[in-house]
Amino acid sequence: MAQIATYNVAETVTGTALADGLQIDASAFKDERTVFVFDVTTTDAGATMTIEAGAYEDAALGSIEIPVTVGTHVVVLETARFKDADNYINIAIDSIGSFVGTVLPLQLP
């Protein structure tokens, strides 16, 4: 599983690294809004990513599924909704797709 350990730093990810998903260490994130910038340079047709619901009260709102296309995707998330019990945000990539690009998590003030 590919991992991103810090926010405010862009990290390059590839389809092969994402075979088992992407895990973002959100332990330093406040339980507020976080912006994720996904800059996708290549992708398979029909690819989607699912930002999985976490382990806390707001997790009842569920996961979010996002189609992955070439270009820049900006997603604003309530961090508390998606943190798991180990303070990670988990993103699953579906089995028919992969992508190459960068992920930049930004903590809002």
PDB file of N, CA and C in Angstrom:
ATOM      1  N   MET A   1       0.841  -1.170   0.000  1.00  0.00           N
ATOM      2  CA  MET A   1       0.000   0.000   0.000  1.00  0.00           C
ATOM      3  C   MET A   1       0.890   1.238   0.000  1.00  0.00           C
ATOM      4  N   ALA A   2       0.604   2.162  -0.889  1.00  0.00           N
ATOM      5  CA  ALA A   2       1.353   3.417  -0.941  1.00  0.00           C
ATOM      6  C   ALA A   2       0.951   4.273   0.255  1.00  0.00           C
ATOM      7  N   GLN A   3       1.906   5.014   0.818  1.00  0.00           N
ATOM      8  CA  GLN A   3       1.620   5.851   1.970  1.00  0.00           C
ATOM      9  C   GLN A   3       2.121   7.272   1.767  1.00  0.00           C
ATOM     10  N   ILE A   4       1.352   8.213   2.276  1.00  0.00           N
ATOM     11  CA  ILE A   4       1.751   9.616   2.311  1.00  0.00           C
ATOM     12  C   ILE A   4       1.799   9.987   3.777  1.00  0.00           C
ATOM     13  N   ALA A   5       2.957  10.447   4.232  1.00  0.00           N
ATOM     14  CA  ALA A   5       3.170  10.642   5.663  1.00  0.00           C
ATOM     15  C   ALA A   5       3.035  12.085   6.129  1.00  0.00           C
ATOM     16  N   THR A   6       3.034  13.049   5.221  1.00  0.00           N
ATOM     17  CA  THR A   6       2.964  14.441   5.656  1.00  0.00           C
ATOM     18  C   THR A   6       1.960  15.208   4.821  1.00  0.00           C
ATOM     19  N   TYR A   7       1.475  16.307   5.373  1.00  0.00           N
ATOM     20  CA  TYR A   7       0.625  17.169   4.570  1.00  0.00           C
ATOM     21  C   TYR A   7       1.409  18.400   4.153  1.00  0.00           C
ATOM     22  N   ASN A   8       0.854  19.143   3.196  1.00  0.00           N
ATOM     23  CA  ASN A   8       1.476  20.308   2.578  1.00  0.00           C
ATOM     24  C   ASN A   8       2.711  19.943   1.763  1.00  0.00           C
ATOM     25  N   VAL A   9       2.863  18.660   1.416  1.00  0.00           N
ATOM     26  CA  VAL A   9       3.962  18.185   0.577  1.00  0.00           C
ATOM     27  C   VAL A   9       3.366  17.283  -0.496  1.00  0.00           C
ATOM     28  N   ALA A  10       3.625  17.589  -1.764  1.00  0.00           N
ATOM     29  CA  ALA A  10       3.116  16.758  -2.854  1.00  0.00           C
ATOM     30  C   ALA A  10       3.937  15.482  -2.953  1.00  0.00           C
ATOM     31  N   GLU A  11       3.262  14.357  -3.159  1.00  0.00           N
ATOM     32  CA  GLU A  11       3.929  13.067  -3.304  1.00  0.00           C
ATOM     33  C   GLU A  11       3.469  12.425  -4.595  1.00  0.00           C
ATOM     34  N   THR A  12       4.422  11.876  -5.348  1.00  0.00           N
ATOM     35  CA  THR A  12       4.093  11.196  -6.597  1.00  0.00           C
ATOM     36  C   THR A  12       3.617   9.789  -6.295  1.00  0.00           C
ATOM     37  N   VAL A  13       2.543   9.390  -6.951  1.00  0.00           N
ATOM     38  CA  VAL A  13       2.020   8.037  -6.800  1.00  0.00           C
ATOM     39  C   VAL A  13       1.828   7.431  -8.178  1.00  0.00           C
ATOM     40  N   THR A  14       1.948   6.117  -8.259  1.00  0.00           N
ATOM     41  CA  THR A  14       1.765   5.426  -9.534  1.00  0.00           C
ATOM     42  C   THR A  14       0.755   4.311  -9.372  1.00  0.00           C
ATOM     43  N   GLY A  15       0.237   3.860 -10.491  1.00  0.00           N
ATOM     44  CA  GLY A  15      -0.758   2.795 -10.483  1.00  0.00           C
ATOM     45  C   GLY A  15      -0.273   1.536  -9.806  1.00  0.00           C
ATOM     46  N   THR A  16       0.984   1.175  -9.995  1.00  0.00           N
ATOM     47  CA  THR A  16       1.476  -0.052  -9.363  1.00  0.00           C
ATOM     48  C   THR A  16       1.552   0.110  -7.860  1.00  0.00           C
ATOM     49  N   ALA A  17       1.962   1.267  -7.389  1.00  0.00           N
ATOM     50  CA  ALA A  17       2.020   1.502  -5.946  1.00  0.00           C
ATOM     51  C   ALA A  17       0.621   1.528  -5.347  1.00  0.00           C
ATOM     52  N   LEU A  18      -0.372   1.839  -6.164  1.00  0.00           N
ATOM     53  CA  LEU A  18      -1.736   1.965  -5.676  1.00  0.00           C
ATOM     54  C   LEU A  18      -2.539   0.677  -5.800  1.00  0.00           C
ATOM     55  N   ALA A  19      -1.895  -0.414  -6.192  1.00  0.00           N
ATOM     56  CA  ALA A  19      -2.619  -1.665  -6.378  1.00  0.00           C
ATOM     57  C   ALA A  19      -3.414  -2.042  -5.130  1.00  0.00           C
ATOM     58  N   ASP A  20      -2.861  -1.755  -3.957  1.00  0.00           N
ATOM     59  CA  ASP A  20      -3.546  -2.064  -2.709  1.00  0.00           C
ATOM     60  C   ASP A  20      -4.149  -0.831  -2.061  1.00  0.00           C
ATOM     61  N   GLY A  21      -4.148   0.280  -2.776  1.00  0.00           N
ATOM     62  CA  GLY A  21      -4.737   1.496  -2.253  1.00  0.00           C
ATOM     63  C   GLY A  21      -3.701   2.506  -1.798  1.00  0.00           C
ATOM     64  N   LEU A  22      -4.185   3.578  -1.231  1.00  0.00           N
ATOM     65  CA  LEU A  22      -3.350   4.680  -0.767  1.00  0.00           C
ATOM     66  C   LEU A  22      -3.743   4.977   0.668  1.00  0.00           C
ATOM     67  N   GLN A  23      -2.759   5.157   1.525  1.00  0.00           N
ATOM     68  CA  GLN A  23      -3.007   5.439   2.924  1.00  0.00           C
ATOM     69  C   GLN A  23      -2.317   6.757   3.275  1.00  0.00           C
ATOM     70  N   ILE A  24      -3.092   7.706   3.802  1.00  0.00           N
ATOM     71  CA  ILE A  24      -2.551   9.014   4.148  1.00  0.00           C
ATOM     72  C   ILE A  24      -2.525   9.141   5.670  1.00  0.00           C
ATOM     73  N   ASP A  25      -1.350   9.392   6.210  1.00  0.00           N
ATOM     74  CA  ASP A  25      -1.196   9.562   7.646  1.00  0.00           C
ATOM     75  C   ASP A  25      -1.813  10.901   8.035  1.00  0.00           C
ATOM     76  N   ALA A  26      -2.944  10.848   8.715  1.00  0.00           N
ATOM     77  CA  ALA A  26      -3.666  12.061   9.083  1.00  0.00           C
ATOM     78  C   ALA A  26      -3.532  12.370  10.569  1.00  0.00           C
ATOM     79  N   SER A  27      -2.547  11.777  11.233  1.00  0.00           N
ATOM     80  CA  SER A  27      -2.404  11.979  12.672  1.00  0.00           C
ATOM     81  C   SER A  27      -2.109  13.434  13.031  1.00  0.00           C
ATOM     82  N   ALA A  28      -1.477  14.166  12.133  1.00  0.00           N
ATOM     83  CA  ALA A  28      -1.170  15.568  12.407  1.00  0.00           C
ATOM     84  C   ALA A  28      -2.267  16.508  11.918  1.00  0.00           C
ATOM     85  N   PHE A  29      -3.273  15.976  11.242  1.00  0.00           N
ATOM     86  CA  PHE A  29      -4.355  16.810  10.730  1.00  0.00           C
ATOM     87  C   PHE A  29      -5.311  17.145  11.870  1.00  0.00           C
ATOM     88  N   LYS A  30      -5.765  18.374  11.884  1.00  0.00           N
ATOM     89  CA  LYS A  30      -6.839  18.736  12.799  1.00  0.00           C
ATOM     90  C   LYS A  30      -8.105  18.056  12.290  1.00  0.00           C
ATOM     91  N   ASP A  31      -9.081  17.869  13.166  1.00  0.00           N
ATOM     92  CA  ASP A  31     -10.339  17.255  12.732  1.00  0.00           C
ATOM     93  C   ASP A  31     -11.232  18.307  12.088  1.00  0.00           C
ATOM     94  N   GLU A  32     -10.707  18.895  11.048  1.00  0.00           N
ATOM     95  CA  GLU A  32     -11.415  19.925  10.317  1.00  0.00           C
ATOM     96  C   GLU A  32     -11.270  19.634   8.832  1.00  0.00           C
ATOM     97  N   ARG A  33     -11.496  20.611   8.027  1.00  0.00           N
ATOM     98  CA  ARG A  33     -11.403  20.399   6.581  1.00  0.00           C
ATOM     99  C   ARG A  33      -9.958  20.299   6.117  1.00  0.00           C
ATOM    100  N   THR A  34      -9.748  19.348   5.233  1.00  0.00           N
ATOM    101  CA  THR A  34      -8.454  19.169   4.579  1.00  0.00           C
ATOM    102  C   THR A  34      -8.712  19.129   3.082  1.00  0.00           C
ATOM    103  N   VAL A  35      -7.877  19.815   2.333  1.00  0.00           N
ATOM    104  CA  VAL A  35      -7.992  19.823   0.872  1.00  0.00           C
ATOM    105  C   VAL A  35      -7.025  18.785   0.319  1.00  0.00           C
ATOM    106  N   PHE A  36      -7.509  17.945  -0.566  1.00  0.00           N
ATOM    107  CA  PHE A  36      -6.660  16.995  -1.270  1.00  0.00           C
ATOM    108  C   PHE A  36      -6.650  17.384  -2.735  1.00  0.00           C
ATOM    109  N   VAL A  37      -5.468  17.575  -3.282  1.00  0.00           N
ATOM    110  CA  VAL A  37      -5.317  17.884  -4.701  1.00  0.00           C
ATOM    111  C   VAL A  37      -4.730  16.647  -5.366  1.00  0.00           C
ATOM    112  N   PHE A  38      -5.497  16.054  -6.275  1.00  0.00           N
ATOM    113  CA  PHE A  38      -5.048  14.903  -7.040  1.00  0.00           C
ATOM    114  C   PHE A  38      -4.763  15.395  -8.454  1.00  0.00           C
ATOM    115  N   ASP A  39      -3.507  15.410  -8.836  1.00  0.00           N
ATOM    116  CA  ASP A  39      -3.115  15.840 -10.174  1.00  0.00           C
ATOM    117  C   ASP A  39      -2.790  14.575 -10.972  1.00  0.00           C
ATOM    118  N   VAL A  40      -3.729  14.132 -11.793  1.00  0.00           N
ATOM    119  CA  VAL A  40      -3.622  12.855 -12.501  1.00  0.00           C
ATOM    120  C   VAL A  40      -3.062  13.100 -13.897  1.00  0.00           C
ATOM    121  N   THR A  41      -1.940  12.449 -14.205  1.00  0.00           N
ATOM    122  CA  THR A  41      -1.318  12.623 -15.523  1.00  0.00           C
ATOM    123  C   THR A  41      -1.720  11.524 -16.501  1.00  0.00           C
ATOM    124  N   THR A  42      -1.950  10.302 -16.013  1.00  0.00           N
ATOM    125  CA  THR A  42      -2.468   9.221 -16.860  1.00  0.00           C
ATOM    126  C   THR A  42      -3.403   8.359 -16.025  1.00  0.00           C
ATOM    127  N   THR A  43      -4.372   7.747 -16.673  1.00  0.00           N
ATOM    128  CA  THR A  43      -5.310   6.877 -15.965  1.00  0.00           C
ATOM    129  C   THR A  43      -5.950   5.910 -16.938  1.00  0.00           C
ATOM    130  N   ASP A  44      -6.472   4.819 -16.409  1.00  0.00           N
ATOM    131  CA  ASP A  44      -7.246   3.873 -17.204  1.00  0.00           C
ATOM    132  C   ASP A  44      -8.675   4.379 -17.308  1.00  0.00           C
ATOM    133  N   ALA A  45      -9.334   4.042 -18.413  1.00  0.00           N
ATOM    134  CA  ALA A  45     -10.736   4.427 -18.572  1.00  0.00           C
ATOM    135  C   ALA A  45     -11.567   3.770 -17.479  1.00  0.00           C
ATOM    136  N   GLY A  46     -12.467   4.514 -16.897  1.00  0.00           N
ATOM    137  CA  GLY A  46     -13.375   3.973 -15.901  1.00  0.00           C
ATOM    138  C   GLY A  46     -12.817   3.851 -14.503  1.00  0.00           C
ATOM    139  N   ALA A  47     -11.634   4.377 -14.259  1.00  0.00           N
ATOM    140  CA  ALA A  47     -11.039   4.268 -12.922  1.00  0.00           C
ATOM    141  C   ALA A  47     -11.810   5.120 -11.918  1.00  0.00           C
ATOM    142  N   THR A  48     -11.936   4.612 -10.712  1.00  0.00           N
ATOM    143  CA  THR A  48     -12.526   5.386  -9.619  1.00  0.00           C
ATOM    144  C   THR A  48     -11.683   5.188  -8.370  1.00  0.00           C
ATOM    145  N   MET A  49     -11.770   6.159  -7.480  1.00  0.00           N
ATOM    146  CA  MET A  49     -11.152   5.983  -6.171  1.00  0.00           C
ATOM    147  C   MET A  49     -12.239   6.195  -5.130  1.00  0.00           C
ATOM    148  N   THR A  50     -12.123   5.462  -4.040  1.00  0.00           N
ATOM    149  CA  THR A  50     -13.092   5.566  -2.960  1.00  0.00           C
ATOM    150  C   THR A  50     -12.353   6.009  -1.705  1.00  0.00           C
ATOM    151  N   ILE A  51     -12.747   7.150  -1.181  1.00  0.00           N
ATOM    152  CA  ILE A  51     -12.194   7.617   0.089  1.00  0.00           C
ATOM    153  C   ILE A  51     -13.094   6.998   1.154  1.00  0.00           C
ATOM    154  N   GLU A  52     -12.502   6.084   1.913  1.00  0.00           N
ATOM    155  CA  GLU A  52     -13.280   5.241   2.809  1.00  0.00           C
ATOM    156  C   GLU A  52     -13.634   5.946   4.116  1.00  0.00           C
ATOM    157  N   ALA A  53     -14.866   5.686   4.572  1.00  0.00           N
ATOM    158  CA  ALA A  53     -15.311   6.234   5.850  1.00  0.00           C
ATOM    159  C   ALA A  53     -14.404   5.735   6.963  1.00  0.00           C
ATOM    160  N   GLY A  54     -14.208   6.551   7.962  1.00  0.00           N
ATOM    161  CA  GLY A  54     -13.296   6.212   9.056  1.00  0.00           C
ATOM    162  C   GLY A  54     -13.952   5.463  10.185  1.00  0.00           C
ATOM    163  N   ALA A  55     -13.449   5.698  11.393  1.00  0.00           N
ATOM    164  CA  ALA A  55     -13.887   4.933  12.561  1.00  0.00           C
ATOM    165  C   ALA A  55     -14.593   5.784  13.605  1.00  0.00           C
ATOM    166  N   TYR A  56     -14.775   7.055  13.332  1.00  0.00           N
ATOM    167  CA  TYR A  56     -15.358   7.930  14.343  1.00  0.00           C
ATOM    168  C   TYR A  56     -16.801   8.271  14.002  1.00  0.00           C
ATOM    169  N   GLU A  57     -17.425   9.087  14.833  1.00  0.00           N
ATOM    170  CA  GLU A  57     -18.851   9.375  14.712  1.00  0.00           C
ATOM    171  C   GLU A  57     -19.272   9.843  13.313  1.00  0.00           C
ATOM    172  N   ASP A  58     -18.504  10.713  12.700  1.00  0.00           N
ATOM    173  CA  ASP A  58     -18.864  11.233  11.382  1.00  0.00           C
ATOM    174  C   ASP A  58     -18.757  10.187  10.282  1.00  0.00           C
ATOM    175  N   ALA A  59     -18.169   9.041  10.567  1.00  0.00           N
ATOM    176  CA  ALA A  59     -18.043   7.973   9.573  1.00  0.00           C
ATOM    177  C   ALA A  59     -19.403   7.468   9.116  1.00  0.00           C
ATOM    178  N   ALA A  60     -20.437   7.697   9.919  1.00  0.00           N
ATOM    179  CA  ALA A  60     -21.782   7.266   9.545  1.00  0.00           C
ATOM    180  C   ALA A  60     -22.255   7.922   8.253  1.00  0.00           C
ATOM    181  N   LEU A  61     -21.607   9.013   7.872  1.00  0.00           N
ATOM    182  CA  LEU A  61     -21.959   9.677   6.610  1.00  0.00           C
ATOM    183  C   LEU A  61     -21.489   8.883   5.397  1.00  0.00           C
ATOM    184  N   GLY A  62     -20.587   7.925   5.592  1.00  0.00           N
ATOM    185  CA  GLY A  62     -20.185   7.014   4.530  1.00  0.00           C
ATOM    186  C   GLY A  62     -18.948   7.431   3.756  1.00  0.00           C
ATOM    187  N   SER A  63     -18.607   6.565   2.817  1.00  0.00           N
ATOM    188  CA  SER A  63     -17.461   6.776   1.926  1.00  0.00           C
ATOM    189  C   SER A  63     -17.857   7.675   0.765  1.00  0.00           C
ATOM    190  N   ILE A  64     -16.851   8.151   0.030  1.00  0.00           N
ATOM    191  CA  ILE A  64     -17.085   8.957  -1.177  1.00  0.00           C
ATOM    192  C   ILE A  64     -16.368   8.276  -2.334  1.00  0.00           C
ATOM    193  N   GLU A  65     -17.073   8.091  -3.437  1.00  0.00           N
ATOM    194  CA  GLU A  65     -16.476   7.527  -4.650  1.00  0.00           C
ATOM    195  C   GLU A  65     -16.301   8.642  -5.676  1.00  0.00           C
ATOM    196  N   ILE A  66     -15.087   8.728  -6.235  1.00  0.00           N
ATOM    197  CA  ILE A  66     -14.764   9.804  -7.170  1.00  0.00           C
ATOM    198  C   ILE A  66     -14.225   9.198  -8.459  1.00  0.00           C
ATOM    199  N   PRO A  67     -14.806   9.556  -9.615  1.00  0.00           N
ATOM    200  CA  PRO A  67     -14.223   9.104 -10.888  1.00  0.00           C
ATOM    201  C   PRO A  67     -12.847   9.732 -11.080  1.00  0.00           C
ATOM    202  N   VAL A  68     -11.915   8.968 -11.610  1.00  0.00           N
ATOM    203  CA  VAL A  68     -10.560   9.463 -11.814  1.00  0.00           C
ATOM    204  C   VAL A  68     -10.344   9.667 -13.312  1.00  0.00           C
ATOM    205  N   THR A  69     -10.147  10.907 -13.696  1.00  0.00           N
ATOM    206  CA  THR A  69      -9.850  11.247 -15.082  1.00  0.00           C
ATOM    207  C   THR A  69      -8.569  12.079 -15.098  1.00  0.00           C
ATOM    208  N   VAL A  70      -7.978  12.212 -16.270  1.00  0.00           N
ATOM    209  CA  VAL A  70      -6.767  13.024 -16.380  1.00  0.00           C
ATOM    210  C   VAL A  70      -7.112  14.473 -16.053  1.00  0.00           C
ATOM    211  N   GLY A  71      -6.287  15.094 -15.249  1.00  0.00           N
ATOM    212  CA  GLY A  71      -6.504  16.480 -14.868  1.00  0.00           C
ATOM    213  C   GLY A  71      -6.334  16.641 -13.373  1.00  0.00           C
ATOM    214  N   THR A  72      -6.694  17.815 -12.887  1.00  0.00           N
ATOM    215  CA  THR A  72      -6.552  18.128 -11.467  1.00  0.00           C
ATOM    216  C   THR A  72      -7.907  18.034 -10.793  1.00  0.00           C
ATOM    217  N   HIS A  73      -7.940  17.295  -9.697  1.00  0.00           N
ATOM    218  CA  HIS A  73      -9.158  17.126  -8.909  1.00  0.00           C
ATOM    219  C   HIS A  73      -8.890  17.694  -7.524  1.00  0.00           C
ATOM    220  N   VAL A  74      -9.762  18.580  -7.069  1.00  0.00           N
ATOM    221  CA  VAL A  74      -9.633  19.169  -5.743  1.00  0.00           C
ATOM    222  C   VAL A  74     -10.811  18.665  -4.915  1.00  0.00           C
ATOM    223  N   VAL A  75     -10.491  18.021  -3.796  1.00  0.00           N
ATOM    224  CA  VAL A  75     -11.517  17.441  -2.938  1.00  0.00           C
ATOM    225  C   VAL A  75     -11.321  18.011  -1.530  1.00  0.00           C
ATOM    226  N   VAL A  76     -12.386  18.575  -0.967  1.00  0.00           N
ATOM    227  CA  VAL A  76     -12.342  19.080   0.398  1.00  0.00           C
ATOM    228  C   VAL A  76     -13.064  18.073   1.283  1.00  0.00           C
ATOM    229  N   LEU A  77     -12.366  17.584   2.307  1.00  0.00           N
ATOM    230  CA  LEU A  77     -12.920  16.553   3.180  1.00  0.00           C
ATOM    231  C   LEU A  77     -12.932  17.025   4.630  1.00  0.00           C
ATOM    232  N   GLU A  78     -13.940  16.580   5.355  1.00  0.00           N
ATOM    233  CA  GLU A  78     -13.930  16.713   6.808  1.00  0.00           C
ATOM    234  C   GLU A  78     -13.057  15.577   7.319  1.00  0.00           C
ATOM    235  N   THR A  79     -11.889  15.894   7.826  1.00  0.00           N
ATOM    236  CA  THR A  79     -10.922  14.883   8.236  1.00  0.00           C
ATOM    237  C   THR A  79     -11.520  13.893   9.227  1.00  0.00           C
ATOM    238  N   ALA A  80     -12.335  14.359  10.161  1.00  0.00           N
ATOM    239  CA  ALA A  80     -12.905  13.477  11.182  1.00  0.00           C
ATOM    240  C   ALA A  80     -13.791  12.393  10.573  1.00  0.00           C
ATOM    241  N   ARG A  81     -14.362  12.639   9.437  1.00  0.00           N
ATOM    242  CA  ARG A  81     -15.235  11.655   8.790  1.00  0.00           C
ATOM    243  C   ARG A  81     -14.444  10.480   8.219  1.00  0.00           C
ATOM    244  N   PHE A  82     -13.190  10.699   7.864  1.00  0.00           N
ATOM    245  CA  PHE A  82     -12.447   9.694   7.118  1.00  0.00           C
ATOM    246  C   PHE A  82     -11.272   9.074   7.871  1.00  0.00           C
ATOM    247  N   LYS A  83     -10.897   9.612   9.031  1.00  0.00           N
ATOM    248  CA  LYS A  83      -9.791   9.023   9.802  1.00  0.00           C
ATOM    249  C   LYS A  83     -10.214   7.669  10.360  1.00  0.00           C
ATOM    250  N   ASP A  84      -9.335   6.663  10.205  1.00  0.00           N
ATOM    251  CA  ASP A  84      -9.609   5.380  10.843  1.00  0.00           C
ATOM    252  C   ASP A  84      -9.048   5.398  12.266  1.00  0.00           C
ATOM    253  N   ALA A  85      -9.159   4.295  12.977  1.00  0.00           N
ATOM    254  CA  ALA A  85      -8.727   4.236  14.378  1.00  0.00           C
ATOM    255  C   ALA A  85      -7.231   4.479  14.545  1.00  0.00           C
ATOM    256  N   ASP A  86      -6.447   4.271  13.472  1.00  0.00           N
ATOM    257  CA  ASP A  86      -5.003   4.510  13.508  1.00  0.00           C
ATOM    258  C   ASP A  86      -4.625   5.870  12.940  1.00  0.00           C
ATOM    259  N   ASN A  87      -5.622   6.736  12.709  1.00  0.00           N
ATOM    260  CA  ASN A  87      -5.430   8.093  12.184  1.00  0.00           C
ATOM    261  C   ASN A  87      -4.939   8.128  10.741  1.00  0.00           C
ATOM    262  N   TYR A  88      -5.353   7.155   9.944  1.00  0.00           N
ATOM    263  CA  TYR A  88      -5.056   7.161   8.513  1.00  0.00           C
ATOM    264  C   TYR A  88      -6.339   7.416   7.741  1.00  0.00           C
ATOM    265  N   ILE A  89      -6.187   8.052   6.586  1.00  0.00           N
ATOM    266  CA  ILE A  89      -7.276   8.171   5.621  1.00  0.00           C
ATOM    267  C   ILE A  89      -6.940   7.179   4.520  1.00  0.00           C
ATOM    268  N   ASN A  90      -7.867   6.265   4.251  1.00  0.00           N
ATOM    269  CA  ASN A  90      -7.628   5.196   3.286  1.00  0.00           C
ATOM    270  C   ASN A  90      -8.387   5.467   1.997  1.00  0.00           C
ATOM    271  N   ILE A  91      -7.673   5.326   0.887  1.00  0.00           N
ATOM    272  CA  ILE A  91      -8.266   5.533  -0.432  1.00  0.00           C
ATOM    273  C   ILE A  91      -8.069   4.246  -1.231  1.00  0.00           C
ATOM    274  N   ALA A  92      -9.163   3.677  -1.681  1.00  0.00           N
ATOM    275  CA  ALA A  92      -9.118   2.462  -2.485  1.00  0.00           C
ATOM    276  C   ALA A  92      -9.222   2.830  -3.951  1.00  0.00           C
ATOM    277  N   ILE A  93      -8.433   2.161  -4.780  1.00  0.00           N
ATOM    278  CA  ILE A  93      -8.496   2.339  -6.225  1.00  0.00           C
ATOM    279  C   ILE A  93      -9.167   1.092  -6.780  1.00  0.00           C
ATOM    280  N   ASP A  94     -10.186   1.273  -7.638  1.00  0.00           N
ATOM    281  CA  ASP A  94     -10.910   0.096  -8.112  1.00  0.00           C
ATOM    282  C   ASP A  94     -10.029  -0.807  -8.970  1.00  0.00           C
ATOM    283  N   SER A  95     -10.480  -2.024  -9.157  1.00  0.00           N
ATOM    284  CA  SER A  95      -9.655  -3.036  -9.816  1.00  0.00           C
ATOM    285  C   SER A  95      -9.453  -2.802 -11.303  1.00  0.00           C
ATOM    286  N   ILE A  96     -10.293  -1.980 -11.935  1.00  0.00           N
ATOM    287  CA  ILE A  96     -10.124  -1.776 -13.382  1.00  0.00           C
ATOM    288  C   ILE A  96      -9.305  -0.545 -13.706  1.00  0.00           C
ATOM    289  N   GLY A  97      -8.907   0.190 -12.694  1.00  0.00           N
ATOM    290  CA  GLY A  97      -8.212   1.435 -12.989  1.00  0.00           C
ATOM    291  C   GLY A  97      -6.956   1.639 -12.170  1.00  0.00           C
ATOM    292  N   SER A  98      -6.134   2.522 -12.658  1.00  0.00           N
ATOM    293  CA  SER A  98      -4.955   2.970 -11.933  1.00  0.00           C
ATOM    294  C   SER A  98      -4.647   4.362 -12.422  1.00  0.00           C
ATOM    295  N   PHE A  99      -3.790   5.067 -11.693  1.00  0.00           N
ATOM    296  CA  PHE A  99      -3.390   6.368 -12.201  1.00  0.00           C
ATOM    297  C   PHE A  99      -1.981   6.703 -11.780  1.00  0.00           C
ATOM    298  N   VAL A 100      -1.415   7.653 -12.507  1.00  0.00           N
ATOM    299  CA  VAL A 100      -0.097   8.183 -12.200  1.00  0.00           C
ATOM    300  C   VAL A 100      -0.271   9.681 -12.002  1.00  0.00           C
ATOM    301  N   GLY A 101       0.300  10.199 -10.949  1.00  0.00           N
ATOM    302  CA  GLY A 101       0.193  11.623 -10.699  1.00  0.00           C
ATOM    303  C   GLY A 101       0.707  11.967  -9.320  1.00  0.00           C
ATOM    304  N   THR A 102       0.231  13.069  -8.778  1.00  0.00           N
ATOM    305  CA  THR A 102       0.651  13.488  -7.444  1.00  0.00           C
ATOM    306  C   THR A 102      -0.566  13.697  -6.567  1.00  0.00           C
ATOM    307  N   VAL A 103      -0.358  13.524  -5.270  1.00  0.00           N
ATOM    308  CA  VAL A 103      -1.400  13.787  -4.279  1.00  0.00           C
ATOM    309  C   VAL A 103      -0.822  14.801  -3.312  1.00  0.00           C
ATOM    310  N   LEU A 104      -1.558  15.869  -3.083  1.00  0.00           N
ATOM    311  CA  LEU A 104      -1.120  16.939  -2.186  1.00  0.00           C
ATOM    312  C   LEU A 104      -2.209  17.190  -1.149  1.00  0.00           C
ATOM    313  N   PRO A 105      -2.035  16.687   0.078  1.00  0.00           N
ATOM    314  CA  PRO A 105      -2.989  17.020   1.138  1.00  0.00           C
ATOM    315  C   PRO A 105      -2.610  18.361   1.770  1.00  0.00           C
ATOM    316  N   LEU A 106      -3.567  19.254   1.894  1.00  0.00           N
ATOM    317  CA  LEU A 106      -3.326  20.586   2.469  1.00  0.00           C
ATOM    318  C   LEU A 106      -4.248  20.784   3.660  1.00  0.00           C
ATOM    319  N   GLN A 107      -3.685  21.075   4.805  1.00  0.00           N
ATOM    320  CA  GLN A 107      -4.482  21.357   5.992  1.00  0.00           C
ATOM    321  C   GLN A 107      -4.940  22.809   5.948  1.00  0.00           C
ATOM    322  N   LEU A 108      -6.224  23.032   6.033  1.00  0.00           N
ATOM    323  CA  LEU A 108      -6.737  24.393   6.061  1.00  0.00           C
ATOM    324  C   LEU A 108      -6.568  24.968   7.462  1.00  0.00           C
ATOM    325  N   PRO A 109      -6.351  26.274   7.549  1.00  0.00           N
ATOM    326  CA  PRO A 109      -6.184  26.885   8.889  1.00  0.00           C
ATOM    327  C   PRO A 109      -7.468  26.867   9.676  1.00  0.00           C
TER     328      PRO A 109
END
